[in-house]
Amino acid sequence: MICLVFRPSDLKNIVEVYNLRNNAKGGGKNLPGPGEVCALDWADFSAMMQPKEKLYLLAHGSTMKVSTGKKECSAPELAKKLLDAKLRPDVGSIKLVACNTGTNPNNGLDPFCSVLSREIYTQSGKTINVRVTGVVGIEVVQQDGKIRGKNVRFSDTAEYKAMNYDVTWKDQVTAWESEIAQMNLGSGKEILQAADQMTRKTQAFFEKLYEINANYIQSKNDSRFHSPPNQ
């Protein structure tokens, strides 16, 4: 299952829905095809998810929180939101599609993904022990649906600065973000329609970004961190 952590969404998350869904992500091992698409504030995982299904959570991230726009939440807060949405005890695994959710904070604490896994376990009364995977570094979801991290922040590269100085792209991205901010996204169908619509509109822009990002992408093993078992 693919789940937007926050509404309204933004361009990054909406295009990621398309890339993941189009590559059959979100079903899980031994489950045919992709799972459903939802937003966390109206999801009912008990009814919408299949046993052992993988859950993809889309947001912006850091070592201490996930966010989008003015909304944010810590790992304990996100765990509560998942449990309030009736997260299944037999959920297969959770993958955080958000920057630095698998990166160790400078304060010596565990990565966000490990804290989230532990909080779900504790807050559920030790009934849900699920592995949570976070992204190490800056997260990119490629056109083939693969999730990778990179060590270089794109905004610091010469390529990004060149694109940012291109007024055509800058104004267009602002217009796209404004369009998405006004979308309802109150059902899986609406989210998929928005993802298809915005991916088509932004195809040239994102193909250029994917081409540039290819210079900085880390290997699969260097791009993710798995939370350890809680018992």
Protein backbone atom coordinates (compact mmCIF):
# COMPACT_ATOMS: atom_id res chain seq x y z
CA MET A 1 0.00 0.00 0.00
CA ILE A 2 1.17 3.53 -0.82
CA CYS A 3 0.21 6.20 1.72
CA LEU A 4 0.64 9.98 1.73
CA VAL A 5 1.49 10.94 5.31
CA PHE A 6 0.12 14.48 4.91
CA ARG A 7 -2.49 16.36 2.94
CA PRO A 8 -2.30 18.61 1.03
CA SER A 9 0.54 16.91 -0.80
CA ASP A 10 3.27 18.38 -2.97
CA LEU A 11 4.87 17.73 -6.34
CA LYS A 12 7.55 15.38 -5.04
CA ASN A 13 5.17 13.02 -3.26
CA ILE A 14 2.57 12.99 -6.03
CA VAL A 15 5.12 12.02 -8.68
CA GLU A 16 6.50 9.38 -6.31
CA VAL A 17 3.01 7.86 -6.06
CA TYR A 18 3.04 7.49 -9.84
CA ASN A 19 6.55 5.97 -9.99
CA LEU A 20 5.84 3.47 -7.20
CA ARG A 21 2.38 2.52 -8.40
CA ASN A 22 3.45 2.22 -12.04
CA ASN A 23 6.14 -0.26 -10.98
CA ALA A 24 3.79 -2.40 -8.85
CA LYS A 25 5.25 -1.29 -5.50
CA GLY A 26 3.18 -1.54 -2.34
CA GLY A 27 1.78 -5.05 -2.67
CA GLY A 28 4.47 -7.07 -1.03
CA LYS A 29 6.00 -10.52 -1.19
CA ASN A 30 3.61 -13.13 -2.62
CA LEU A 31 0.96 -10.42 -3.27
CA PRO A 32 0.09 -9.77 -6.92
CA GLY A 33 0.42 -6.21 -8.18
CA PRO A 34 0.49 -2.94 -6.21
CA GLY A 35 -1.64 -2.31 -3.18
CA GLU A 36 -4.15 0.49 -2.71
CA VAL A 37 -3.30 4.19 -2.39
CA CYS A 38 -4.44 6.34 0.51
CA ALA A 39 -3.75 9.36 2.72
CA LEU A 40 -3.04 8.75 6.39
CA ASP A 41 -5.72 11.09 7.72
CA TRP A 42 -8.52 9.02 6.15
CA ALA A 43 -6.93 5.57 5.83
CA ASP A 44 -8.41 2.44 7.40
CA PHE A 45 -5.62 -0.10 7.14
CA SER A 46 -7.70 -2.86 8.72
CA ALA A 47 -10.05 -2.78 5.73
CA MET A 48 -7.75 -1.60 2.94
CA MET A 49 -4.59 -3.66 3.49
CA GLN A 50 -3.97 -7.33 2.83
CA PRO A 51 -2.07 -9.54 5.30
CA LYS A 52 1.72 -9.20 4.92
CA GLU A 53 1.37 -6.19 2.63
CA LYS A 54 4.22 -3.67 2.51
CA LEU A 55 3.35 -0.08 3.48
CA TYR A 56 5.11 2.82 1.75
CA LEU A 57 4.86 6.12 3.67
CA LEU A 58 5.54 9.22 1.56
CA ALA A 59 6.66 12.50 3.14
CA HIS A 60 9.65 14.77 3.49
CA GLY A 61 12.03 13.70 6.20
CA SER A 62 14.95 14.35 8.49
CA THR A 63 16.69 12.41 11.24
CA MET A 64 14.10 13.62 13.78
CA LYS A 65 10.77 14.14 11.98
CA VAL A 66 8.73 13.77 8.80
CA SER A 67 6.97 16.75 7.30
CA THR A 68 5.45 18.52 4.33
CA GLY A 69 4.67 22.20 4.14
CA LYS A 70 3.77 23.44 7.63
CA LYS A 71 2.84 20.01 9.00
CA GLU A 72 5.31 17.72 10.76
CA CYS A 73 5.40 14.89 13.25
CA SER A 74 7.93 12.97 15.31
CA ALA A 75 8.32 9.19 15.30
CA PRO A 76 6.05 8.76 18.37
CA GLU A 77 3.42 10.99 16.75
CA LEU A 78 3.62 9.10 13.45
CA ALA A 79 3.29 5.78 15.28
CA LYS A 80 0.11 7.03 16.95
CA LYS A 81 -1.32 8.19 13.61
CA LEU A 82 -0.65 4.75 12.10
CA LEU A 83 -2.28 2.97 15.01
CA ASP A 84 -5.25 5.36 14.95
CA ALA A 85 -5.63 4.38 11.28
CA LYS A 86 -5.85 0.73 12.44
CA LEU A 87 -2.47 -0.49 11.24
CA ARG A 88 -2.73 -4.26 10.77
CA PRO A 89 -0.79 -6.45 13.25
CA ASP A 90 0.23 -8.59 10.25
CA VAL A 91 1.62 -5.70 8.18
CA GLY A 92 4.54 -7.07 6.15
CA SER A 93 6.96 -4.15 6.53
CA ILE A 94 7.05 -0.36 6.37
CA LYS A 95 9.25 1.68 4.05
CA LEU A 96 9.70 5.39 4.75
CA VAL A 97 10.06 7.27 1.46
CA ALA A 98 11.62 10.34 3.03
CA CYS A 99 15.11 11.83 3.28
CA ASN A 100 17.40 10.86 6.17
CA THR A 101 14.86 8.63 7.94
CA GLY A 102 17.57 5.95 8.00
CA THR A 103 20.43 8.33 8.86
CA ASN A 104 21.89 8.37 12.38
CA PRO A 105 21.30 11.76 14.08
CA ASN A 106 24.33 13.69 15.27
CA ASN A 107 23.05 13.43 18.86
CA GLY A 108 23.77 9.71 18.98
CA LEU A 109 20.13 8.60 18.93
CA ASP A 110 18.81 5.85 16.68
CA PRO A 111 17.60 6.62 13.13
CA PHE A 112 14.00 7.77 12.74
CA CYS A 113 12.99 4.42 11.21
CA SER A 114 14.22 2.50 14.26
CA VAL A 115 12.46 4.84 16.66
CA LEU A 116 9.24 4.51 14.64
CA SER A 117 9.43 0.71 14.70
CA ARG A 118 10.01 0.74 18.47
CA GLU A 119 7.17 3.23 19.05
CA ILE A 120 4.72 1.14 17.03
CA TYR A 121 5.72 -1.90 19.08
CA THR A 122 5.35 -0.08 22.41
CA GLN A 123 2.19 1.87 21.64
CA SER A 124 0.47 -1.22 20.21
CA GLY A 125 1.04 -3.07 23.48
CA LYS A 126 3.80 -5.13 21.86
CA THR A 127 1.38 -6.64 19.33
CA ILE A 128 2.89 -5.08 16.17
CA ASN A 129 6.58 -5.79 15.67
CA VAL A 130 7.26 -4.51 12.16
CA ARG A 131 10.53 -3.80 10.37
CA VAL A 132 10.78 -0.20 9.20
CA THR A 133 13.24 0.84 6.50
CA GLY A 134 14.48 4.42 6.16
CA VAL A 135 16.50 6.22 3.52
CA VAL A 136 20.13 7.07 4.23
CA GLY A 137 20.87 10.53 2.87
CA ILE A 138 18.77 12.51 0.40
CA GLU A 139 15.95 10.38 -1.02
CA VAL A 140 15.14 9.91 -4.70
CA VAL A 141 12.40 7.72 -6.19
CA GLN A 142 13.44 6.97 -9.74
CA GLN A 143 11.17 6.38 -12.73
CA ASP A 144 11.57 2.62 -12.28
CA GLY A 145 10.19 2.89 -8.74
CA LYS A 146 13.54 2.21 -7.06
CA ILE A 147 14.19 4.21 -3.90
CA ARG A 148 17.75 5.41 -3.46
CA GLY A 149 19.63 7.81 -1.24
CA LYS A 150 22.45 10.15 -2.18
CA ASN A 151 25.06 11.94 -0.14
CA VAL A 152 25.00 15.20 -2.08
CA ARG A 153 22.18 17.67 -1.50
CA PHE A 154 20.94 18.52 -4.96
CA SER A 155 20.50 22.22 -4.14
CA ASP A 156 24.28 22.44 -3.59
CA THR A 157 25.17 21.19 -7.09
CA ALA A 158 26.02 23.29 -10.13
CA GLU A 159 23.32 21.45 -12.09
CA TYR A 160 20.61 22.49 -9.64
CA LYS A 161 21.76 26.09 -9.59
CA ALA A 162 21.61 26.14 -13.38
CA MET A 163 18.05 24.83 -13.34
CA ASN A 164 17.05 27.16 -10.51
CA TYR A 165 18.26 30.15 -12.48
CA ASP A 166 16.07 29.05 -15.39
CA VAL A 167 13.02 31.27 -14.85
CA THR A 168 10.84 28.99 -16.99
CA TRP A 169 11.38 26.01 -14.67
CA LYS A 170 11.18 28.08 -11.50
CA ASP A 171 7.84 29.65 -12.39
CA GLN A 172 6.47 26.36 -13.68
CA VAL A 173 7.32 24.46 -10.50
CA THR A 174 5.63 27.18 -8.42
CA ALA A 175 2.50 26.83 -10.57
CA TRP A 176 2.54 23.02 -10.25
CA GLU A 177 2.92 23.18 -6.47
CA SER A 178 0.01 25.61 -6.25
CA GLU A 179 -2.14 23.30 -8.36
CA ILE A 180 -1.41 20.28 -6.16
CA ALA A 181 -2.03 22.23 -2.94
CA GLN A 182 -5.62 22.78 -4.07
CA MET A 183 -6.34 19.13 -4.91
CA ASN A 184 -8.70 17.31 -2.55
CA LEU A 185 -7.02 13.86 -2.56
CA GLY A 186 -9.90 12.48 -0.51
CA SER A 187 -9.87 9.03 -2.08
CA GLY A 188 -7.41 6.60 -3.65
CA LYS A 189 -8.93 7.33 -7.07
CA GLU A 190 -8.34 11.07 -6.66
CA ILE A 191 -4.73 10.52 -5.59
CA LEU A 192 -4.05 8.28 -8.60
CA GLN A 193 -5.69 10.75 -10.97
CA ALA A 194 -3.58 13.57 -9.53
CA ALA A 195 -0.42 11.46 -9.81
CA ASP A 196 -1.10 10.59 -13.43
CA GLN A 197 -2.02 14.16 -14.34
CA MET A 198 0.96 15.82 -12.65
CA THR A 199 3.48 13.22 -13.87
CA ARG A 200 2.45 13.88 -17.46
CA LYS A 201 2.70 17.65 -16.96
CA THR A 202 6.11 17.47 -15.29
CA GLN A 203 7.68 14.68 -17.35
CA ALA A 204 10.38 16.79 -19.00
CA PHE A 205 11.30 18.46 -15.71
CA PHE A 206 11.65 15.22 -13.75
CA GLU A 207 13.49 13.39 -16.52
CA LYS A 208 16.12 16.14 -16.30
CA LEU A 209 16.25 15.74 -12.50
CA TYR A 210 16.61 11.94 -12.75
CA GLU A 211 19.42 12.40 -15.26
CA ILE A 212 21.29 14.75 -12.93
CA ASN A 213 20.60 12.64 -9.81
CA ALA A 214 22.14 9.60 -11.51
CA ASN A 215 25.55 11.18 -10.87
CA TYR A 216 25.04 11.07 -7.11
CA ILE A 217 22.91 7.99 -6.35
CA GLN A 218 24.26 5.56 -3.75
CA SER A 219 24.19 1.77 -4.03
CA LYS A 220 21.15 -0.11 -2.74
CA ASN A 221 22.90 -1.24 0.45
CA ASP A 222 24.20 2.26 1.17
CA SER A 223 20.78 3.82 0.56
CA ARG A 224 18.72 2.18 3.29
CA PHE A 225 18.69 1.24 6.95
CA HIS A 226 16.55 -1.55 8.41
CA SER A 227 15.28 -1.22 11.95
CA PRO A 228 16.28 -4.14 14.21
CA PRO A 229 13.68 -6.44 15.85
CA ASN A 230 12.06 -5.00 18.96
CA GLN A 231 11.97 -8.13 21.13
